[in-house]
């Protein structure tokens, strides 16, 4: 079964169109415990060999530890490098991270590899706001693997159904570029949009502001 957002039938009219000149502010989330450091990653995005920019994300091990551990382990082995953002829906989200999107035919993108480790659901009270990173899954709530999505607009109808495990700190303008590229009837970009993900350490990390 294709790993995608089962709530795509929700009304997009609920979402206000966001313009390119809007100033992005990361969605507020509770501060982590003093002994928890939230890891950061840089997602570099390219299309046809051209750099579209980078998206910096922060993940929440204090909120969704199993999803964060899974993502971190995949980044460590270079799993995401060469995978695509294979589903892009304006006013909603961009989705990627399927290993099939590296070299397999487009018709298989989004279906995942049945041998992949599944991650059990970790639902929380954090809402799917613009900039939230959440786990894609199939009908089974515990079927998340490597695929994730970034909300480019608020999507409250997903709350309590998908596992939020991070947020974008910088680079939402790049996600906005990706979500608006020409796409086919399956919402798959006509020209492949690829990603490379690396973990940020030390001075590479960006300052973070959290609510108390």
C-alpha atoms as a PDB file:
ATOM      1  CA  UNK A   1       0.000   0.000   0.000  1.00  0.00           C
ATOM      2  CA  UNK A   2       1.238   3.433  -0.868  1.00  0.00           C
ATOM      3  CA  UNK A   3       2.511   5.384   2.109  1.00  0.00           C
ATOM      4  CA  UNK A   4       0.742   8.683   1.880  1.00  0.00           C
ATOM      5  CA  UNK A   5      -1.551  11.002   3.754  1.00  0.00           C
ATOM      6  CA  UNK A   6      -4.932   9.344   4.082  1.00  0.00           C
ATOM      7  CA  UNK A   7      -6.561  12.709   4.750  1.00  0.00           C
ATOM      8  CA  UNK A   8      -5.935  14.211   1.325  1.00  0.00           C
ATOM      9  CA  UNK A   9      -9.666  14.407   0.776  1.00  0.00           C
ATOM     10  CA  UNK A  10      -9.921  17.107   3.434  1.00  0.00           C
ATOM     11  CA  UNK A  11     -10.985  20.482   2.153  1.00  0.00           C
ATOM     12  CA  UNK A  12      -8.053  22.639   1.066  1.00  0.00           C
ATOM     13  CA  UNK A  13     -10.389  25.643   1.244  1.00  0.00           C
ATOM     14  CA  UNK A  14      -9.637  25.660   4.993  1.00  0.00           C
ATOM     15  CA  UNK A  15      -6.149  26.869   4.188  1.00  0.00           C
ATOM     16  CA  UNK A  16      -5.280  30.429   3.303  1.00  0.00           C
ATOM     17  CA  UNK A  17      -2.928  30.785   0.363  1.00  0.00           C
ATOM     18  CA  UNK A  18       0.534  31.792   1.550  1.00  0.00           C
ATOM     19  CA  UNK A  19       2.491  34.247  -0.574  1.00  0.00           C
ATOM     20  CA  UNK A  20       6.178  34.053  -1.345  1.00  0.00           C
ATOM     21  CA  UNK A  21       6.883  37.276   0.556  1.00  0.00           C
ATOM     22  CA  UNK A  22       5.382  35.987   3.831  1.00  0.00           C
ATOM     23  CA  UNK A  23       7.882  35.941   6.702  1.00  0.00           C
ATOM     24  CA  UNK A  24       8.237  32.453   8.138  1.00  0.00           C
ATOM     25  CA  UNK A  25       8.218  31.868  11.878  1.00  0.00           C
ATOM     26  CA  UNK A  26       8.734  28.269  13.067  1.00  0.00           C
ATOM     27  CA  UNK A  27       5.638  26.837  14.785  1.00  0.00           C
ATOM     28  CA  UNK A  28       5.869  27.155  18.557  1.00  0.00           C
ATOM     29  CA  UNK A  29       6.366  23.962  20.517  1.00  0.00           C
ATOM     30  CA  UNK A  30       7.048  23.300  24.214  1.00  0.00           C
ATOM     31  CA  UNK A  31      10.697  23.537  25.222  1.00  0.00           C
ATOM     32  CA  UNK A  32      12.440  20.171  25.705  1.00  0.00           C
ATOM     33  CA  UNK A  33      13.622  18.959  29.136  1.00  0.00           C
ATOM     34  CA  UNK A  34      16.989  20.444  30.192  1.00  0.00           C
ATOM     35  CA  UNK A  35      18.807  17.185  29.476  1.00  0.00           C
ATOM     36  CA  UNK A  36      17.445  16.811  25.930  1.00  0.00           C
ATOM     37  CA  UNK A  37      19.126  18.310  22.878  1.00  0.00           C
ATOM     38  CA  UNK A  38      16.985  18.347  19.781  1.00  0.00           C
ATOM     39  CA  UNK A  39      19.052  17.323  16.717  1.00  0.00           C
ATOM     40  CA  UNK A  40      19.128  19.438  13.567  1.00  0.00           C
ATOM     41  CA  UNK A  41      19.502  18.373   9.948  1.00  0.00           C
ATOM     42  CA  UNK A  42      20.063  20.134   6.641  1.00  0.00           C
ATOM     43  CA  UNK A  43      17.995  18.947   3.689  1.00  0.00           C
ATOM     44  CA  UNK A  44      19.662  20.139   0.477  1.00  0.00           C
ATOM     45  CA  UNK A  45      17.231  20.136  -2.442  1.00  0.00           C
ATOM     46  CA  UNK A  46      18.124  19.934  -6.133  1.00  0.00           C
ATOM     47  CA  UNK A  47      16.251  19.561  -9.406  1.00  0.00           C
ATOM     48  CA  UNK A  48      17.903  18.665 -12.709  1.00  0.00           C
ATOM     49  CA  UNK A  49      21.282  19.310 -11.099  1.00  0.00           C
ATOM     50  CA  UNK A  50      20.305  22.807  -9.963  1.00  0.00           C
ATOM     51  CA  UNK A  51      20.327  23.659  -6.255  1.00  0.00           C
ATOM     52  CA  UNK A  52      16.938  24.909  -5.056  1.00  0.00           C
ATOM     53  CA  UNK A  53      18.252  25.618  -1.549  1.00  0.00           C
ATOM     54  CA  UNK A  54      18.363  24.029   1.885  1.00  0.00           C
ATOM     55  CA  UNK A  55      15.798  23.344   4.595  1.00  0.00           C
ATOM     56  CA  UNK A  56      16.983  23.177   8.213  1.00  0.00           C
ATOM     57  CA  UNK A  57      14.836  20.968  10.434  1.00  0.00           C
ATOM     58  CA  UNK A  58      14.852  20.313  14.162  1.00  0.00           C
ATOM     59  CA  UNK A  59      13.530  16.987  15.463  1.00  0.00           C
ATOM     60  CA  UNK A  60      11.773  16.230  18.763  1.00  0.00           C
ATOM     61  CA  UNK A  61      13.256  13.199  20.598  1.00  0.00           C
ATOM     62  CA  UNK A  62      11.313  14.249  23.694  1.00  0.00           C
ATOM     63  CA  UNK A  63       8.017  13.991  21.794  1.00  0.00           C
ATOM     64  CA  UNK A  64       8.515  11.233  19.206  1.00  0.00           C
ATOM     65  CA  UNK A  65      11.719   9.397  20.220  1.00  0.00           C
ATOM     66  CA  UNK A  66      11.190   6.350  18.001  1.00  0.00           C
ATOM     67  CA  UNK A  67      10.569   8.414  14.862  1.00  0.00           C
ATOM     68  CA  UNK A  68      13.581  10.625  15.580  1.00  0.00           C
ATOM     69  CA  UNK A  69      15.836   7.629  16.227  1.00  0.00           C
ATOM     70  CA  UNK A  70      14.686   6.031  12.973  1.00  0.00           C
ATOM     71  CA  UNK A  71      15.265   9.220  10.963  1.00  0.00           C
ATOM     72  CA  UNK A  72      18.678   9.773  12.562  1.00  0.00           C
ATOM     73  CA  UNK A  73      19.794   6.220  11.838  1.00  0.00           C
ATOM     74  CA  UNK A  74      18.779   6.590   8.184  1.00  0.00           C
ATOM     75  CA  UNK A  75      20.586   9.911   7.809  1.00  0.00           C
ATOM     76  CA  UNK A  76      23.712   8.329   9.333  1.00  0.00           C
ATOM     77  CA  UNK A  77      23.912   5.751   6.518  1.00  0.00           C
ATOM     78  CA  UNK A  78      23.067   8.216   3.732  1.00  0.00           C
ATOM     79  CA  UNK A  79      19.716   6.541   3.109  1.00  0.00           C
ATOM     80  CA  UNK A  80      17.893   9.716   2.048  1.00  0.00           C
ATOM     81  CA  UNK A  81      20.541  10.914  -0.390  1.00  0.00           C
ATOM     82  CA  UNK A  82      19.088  10.674  -3.886  1.00  0.00           C
ATOM     83  CA  UNK A  83      15.513  10.093  -2.767  1.00  0.00           C
ATOM     84  CA  UNK A  84      12.822  12.434  -4.050  1.00  0.00           C
ATOM     85  CA  UNK A  85      10.048  14.674  -2.861  1.00  0.00           C
ATOM     86  CA  UNK A  86       7.655  12.536  -4.874  1.00  0.00           C
ATOM     87  CA  UNK A  87       4.334  14.103  -3.845  1.00  0.00           C
ATOM     88  CA  UNK A  88       3.789  17.874  -3.750  1.00  0.00           C
ATOM     89  CA  UNK A  89       0.387  19.466  -3.129  1.00  0.00           C
ATOM     90  CA  UNK A  90       0.105  23.267  -3.032  1.00  0.00           C
ATOM     91  CA  UNK A  91      -1.493  24.668   0.138  1.00  0.00           C
ATOM     92  CA  UNK A  92      -0.839  21.357   1.869  1.00  0.00           C
ATOM     93  CA  UNK A  93       2.522  19.560   2.002  1.00  0.00           C
ATOM     94  CA  UNK A  94       5.572  18.043   0.321  1.00  0.00           C
ATOM     95  CA  UNK A  95       6.323  14.337   0.895  1.00  0.00           C
ATOM     96  CA  UNK A  96       9.467  12.322   0.276  1.00  0.00           C
ATOM     97  CA  UNK A  97      11.953   9.773   1.548  1.00  0.00           C
ATOM     98  CA  UNK A  98      10.849   6.649  -0.330  1.00  0.00           C
ATOM     99  CA  UNK A  99      13.800   4.408  -1.316  1.00  0.00           C
ATOM    100  CA  UNK A 100      11.934   3.498  -4.503  1.00  0.00           C
ATOM    101  CA  UNK A 101      12.409   7.067  -5.711  1.00  0.00           C
ATOM    102  CA  UNK A 102      16.168   6.593  -6.027  1.00  0.00           C
ATOM    103  CA  UNK A 103      16.268   4.327  -9.069  1.00  0.00           C
ATOM    104  CA  UNK A 104      12.939   2.551  -9.526  1.00  0.00           C
ATOM    105  CA  UNK A 105      10.182   3.544 -11.996  1.00  0.00           C
ATOM    106  CA  UNK A 106       7.989   6.487 -10.994  1.00  0.00           C
ATOM    107  CA  UNK A 107       4.977   4.201 -10.745  1.00  0.00           C
ATOM    108  CA  UNK A 108       6.579   2.643  -7.645  1.00  0.00           C
ATOM    109  CA  UNK A 109       7.418   5.895  -5.891  1.00  0.00           C
ATOM    110  CA  UNK A 110       5.518   6.237  -2.641  1.00  0.00           C
ATOM    111  CA  UNK A 111       4.932   2.518  -2.103  1.00  0.00           C
ATOM    112  CA  UNK A 112       8.054   1.965  -0.026  1.00  0.00           C
ATOM    113  CA  UNK A 113      10.012  -1.229   0.536  1.00  0.00           C
ATOM    114  CA  UNK A 114       8.129  -3.932   2.510  1.00  0.00           C
ATOM    115  CA  UNK A 115      11.386  -4.906   4.234  1.00  0.00           C
ATOM    116  CA  UNK A 116      11.711  -1.473   5.855  1.00  0.00           C
ATOM    117  CA  UNK A 117      11.495  -1.164   9.625  1.00  0.00           C
ATOM    118  CA  UNK A 118       8.106   0.109  10.797  1.00  0.00           C
ATOM    119  CA  UNK A 119       7.827   2.766  13.470  1.00  0.00           C
ATOM    120  CA  UNK A 120       4.859   2.680  15.903  1.00  0.00           C
ATOM    121  CA  UNK A 121       2.676   5.763  16.097  1.00  0.00           C
ATOM    122  CA  UNK A 122       3.695   8.508  18.517  1.00  0.00           C
ATOM    123  CA  UNK A 123       0.751  10.895  18.448  1.00  0.00           C
ATOM    124  CA  UNK A 124       0.993  14.128  20.429  1.00  0.00           C
ATOM    125  CA  UNK A 125      -0.853  17.378  21.030  1.00  0.00           C
ATOM    126  CA  UNK A 126       1.353  19.284  18.593  1.00  0.00           C
ATOM    127  CA  UNK A 127      -0.733  20.537  15.693  1.00  0.00           C
ATOM    128  CA  UNK A 128       0.164  20.216  12.025  1.00  0.00           C
ATOM    129  CA  UNK A 129       1.068  23.855  11.433  1.00  0.00           C
ATOM    130  CA  UNK A 130       3.018  25.299   8.524  1.00  0.00           C
ATOM    131  CA  UNK A 131       6.600  24.064   8.956  1.00  0.00           C
ATOM    132  CA  UNK A 132       5.779  20.902  10.906  1.00  0.00           C
ATOM    133  CA  UNK A 133       7.570  17.670   9.948  1.00  0.00           C
ATOM    134  CA  UNK A 134       5.440  14.535  10.312  1.00  0.00           C
ATOM    135  CA  UNK A 135       5.584  10.857   9.382  1.00  0.00           C
ATOM    136  CA  UNK A 136       3.761   9.518   6.337  1.00  0.00           C
ATOM    137  CA  UNK A 137       2.068   6.153   6.730  1.00  0.00           C
ATOM    138  CA  UNK A 138      -0.455   3.756   5.191  1.00  0.00           C
ATOM    139  CA  UNK A 139      -3.821   2.772   6.709  1.00  0.00           C
ATOM    140  CA  UNK A 140      -2.158   1.154   9.721  1.00  0.00           C
ATOM    141  CA  UNK A 141      -1.192   3.918  12.197  1.00  0.00           C
ATOM    142  CA  UNK A 142       1.942   1.905  12.994  1.00  0.00           C
ATOM    143  CA  UNK A 143       3.148   1.648   9.382  1.00  0.00           C
ATOM    144  CA  UNK A 144       5.501   4.652   9.177  1.00  0.00           C
ATOM    145  CA  UNK A 145       8.944   3.884   7.741  1.00  0.00           C
ATOM    146  CA  UNK A 146      11.272   6.412   6.091  1.00  0.00           C
ATOM    147  CA  UNK A 147       8.775   8.704   4.399  1.00  0.00           C
ATOM    148  CA  UNK A 148       7.977  12.083   5.890  1.00  0.00           C
ATOM    149  CA  UNK A 149       6.162  15.247   4.934  1.00  0.00           C
ATOM    150  CA  UNK A 150       6.574  18.949   5.593  1.00  0.00           C
ATOM    151  CA  UNK A 151       3.421  21.021   5.927  1.00  0.00           C
ATOM    152  CA  UNK A 152       3.526  24.167   3.786  1.00  0.00           C
ATOM    153  CA  UNK A 153       0.242  25.321   5.314  1.00  0.00           C
ATOM    154  CA  UNK A 154      -1.736  24.495   8.447  1.00  0.00           C
ATOM    155  CA  UNK A 155      -3.421  21.074   8.254  1.00  0.00           C
ATOM    156  CA  UNK A 156      -5.293  20.595  11.556  1.00  0.00           C
ATOM    157  CA  UNK A 157      -7.336  17.666  10.222  1.00  0.00           C
ATOM    158  CA  UNK A 158      -4.157  15.565  10.483  1.00  0.00           C
ATOM    159  CA  UNK A 159      -3.789  16.161  14.225  1.00  0.00           C
ATOM    160  CA  UNK A 160      -3.854  13.006  16.304  1.00  0.00           C
ATOM    161  CA  UNK A 161      -3.610  10.818  13.196  1.00  0.00           C
ATOM    162  CA  UNK A 162      -0.005  11.356  12.090  1.00  0.00           C
ATOM    163  CA  UNK A 163       3.137  11.464  14.218  1.00  0.00           C
ATOM    164  CA  UNK A 164       4.693  14.915  14.409  1.00  0.00           C
ATOM    165  CA  UNK A 165       8.428  14.564  15.001  1.00  0.00           C
ATOM    166  CA  UNK A 166       9.989  17.877  14.017  1.00  0.00           C
ATOM    167  CA  UNK A 167       9.705  21.347  12.540  1.00  0.00           C
ATOM    168  CA  UNK A 168      11.442  23.516   9.970  1.00  0.00           C
ATOM    169  CA  UNK A 169      13.679  26.188  11.484  1.00  0.00           C
ATOM    170  CA  UNK A 170      14.876  27.807   8.258  1.00  0.00           C
ATOM    171  CA  UNK A 171      14.289  27.376   4.547  1.00  0.00           C
ATOM    172  CA  UNK A 172      10.503  27.255   4.228  1.00  0.00           C
ATOM    173  CA  UNK A 173      10.910  29.334   1.088  1.00  0.00           C
ATOM    174  CA  UNK A 174      12.600  26.257  -0.416  1.00  0.00           C
ATOM    175  CA  UNK A 175       9.663  24.044   0.573  1.00  0.00           C
ATOM    176  CA  UNK A 176       7.404  26.638  -1.087  1.00  0.00           C
ATOM    177  CA  UNK A 177       9.440  26.349  -4.294  1.00  0.00           C
ATOM    178  CA  UNK A 178       9.197  22.558  -4.202  1.00  0.00           C
ATOM    179  CA  UNK A 179       5.442  22.478  -3.615  1.00  0.00           C
ATOM    180  CA  UNK A 180       4.850  24.702  -6.652  1.00  0.00           C
ATOM    181  CA  UNK A 181       6.952  22.862  -9.252  1.00  0.00           C
ATOM    182  CA  UNK A 182       5.017  21.469 -12.253  1.00  0.00           C
ATOM    183  CA  UNK A 183       3.546  18.083 -11.363  1.00  0.00           C
ATOM    184  CA  UNK A 184       1.579  15.265 -12.971  1.00  0.00           C
ATOM    185  CA  UNK A 185      -1.868  13.868 -12.116  1.00  0.00           C
ATOM    186  CA  UNK A 186      -0.325  11.908  -9.229  1.00  0.00           C
ATOM    187  CA  UNK A 187       1.118  15.125  -7.749  1.00  0.00           C
ATOM    188  CA  UNK A 188       4.574  13.854  -8.662  1.00  0.00           C
ATOM    189  CA  UNK A 189       6.961  16.594  -9.895  1.00  0.00           C
ATOM    190  CA  UNK A 190       7.503  16.313 -13.653  1.00  0.00           C
ATOM    191  CA  UNK A 191      11.233  16.776 -13.088  1.00  0.00           C
ATOM    192  CA  UNK A 192      12.570  14.837 -10.098  1.00  0.00           C
ATOM    193  CA  UNK A 193      13.226  16.893  -6.968  1.00  0.00           C
ATOM    194  CA  UNK A 194      16.049  15.193  -5.044  1.00  0.00           C
ATOM    195  CA  UNK A 195      17.271  15.559  -1.487  1.00  0.00           C
ATOM    196  CA  UNK A 196      20.461  15.039   0.469  1.00  0.00           C
ATOM    197  CA  UNK A 197      20.307  15.105   4.272  1.00  0.00           C
ATOM    198  CA  UNK A 198      23.141  15.654   6.735  1.00  0.00           C
ATOM    199  CA  UNK A 199      23.141  16.123  10.506  1.00  0.00           C
ATOM    200  CA  UNK A 200      24.323  19.486  11.829  1.00  0.00           C
ATOM    201  CA  UNK A 201      26.833  19.590  14.650  1.00  0.00           C
ATOM    202  CA  UNK A 202      28.358  22.305  16.830  1.00  0.00           C
ATOM    203  CA  UNK A 203      28.530  25.716  15.180  1.00  0.00           C
ATOM    204  CA  UNK A 204      26.575  24.459  12.178  1.00  0.00           C
ATOM    205  CA  UNK A 205      23.443  24.395  14.316  1.00  0.00           C
ATOM    206  CA  UNK A 206      21.047  27.342  14.144  1.00  0.00           C
ATOM    207  CA  UNK A 207      19.649  29.197  17.190  1.00  0.00           C
ATOM    208  CA  UNK A 208      16.310  27.889  18.398  1.00  0.00           C
ATOM    209  CA  UNK A 209      13.424  29.642  20.126  1.00  0.00           C
ATOM    210  CA  UNK A 210      10.832  27.583  21.987  1.00  0.00           C
ATOM    211  CA  UNK A 211       7.769  28.433  24.023  1.00  0.00           C
ATOM    212  CA  UNK A 212       7.837  27.724  27.740  1.00  0.00           C
END
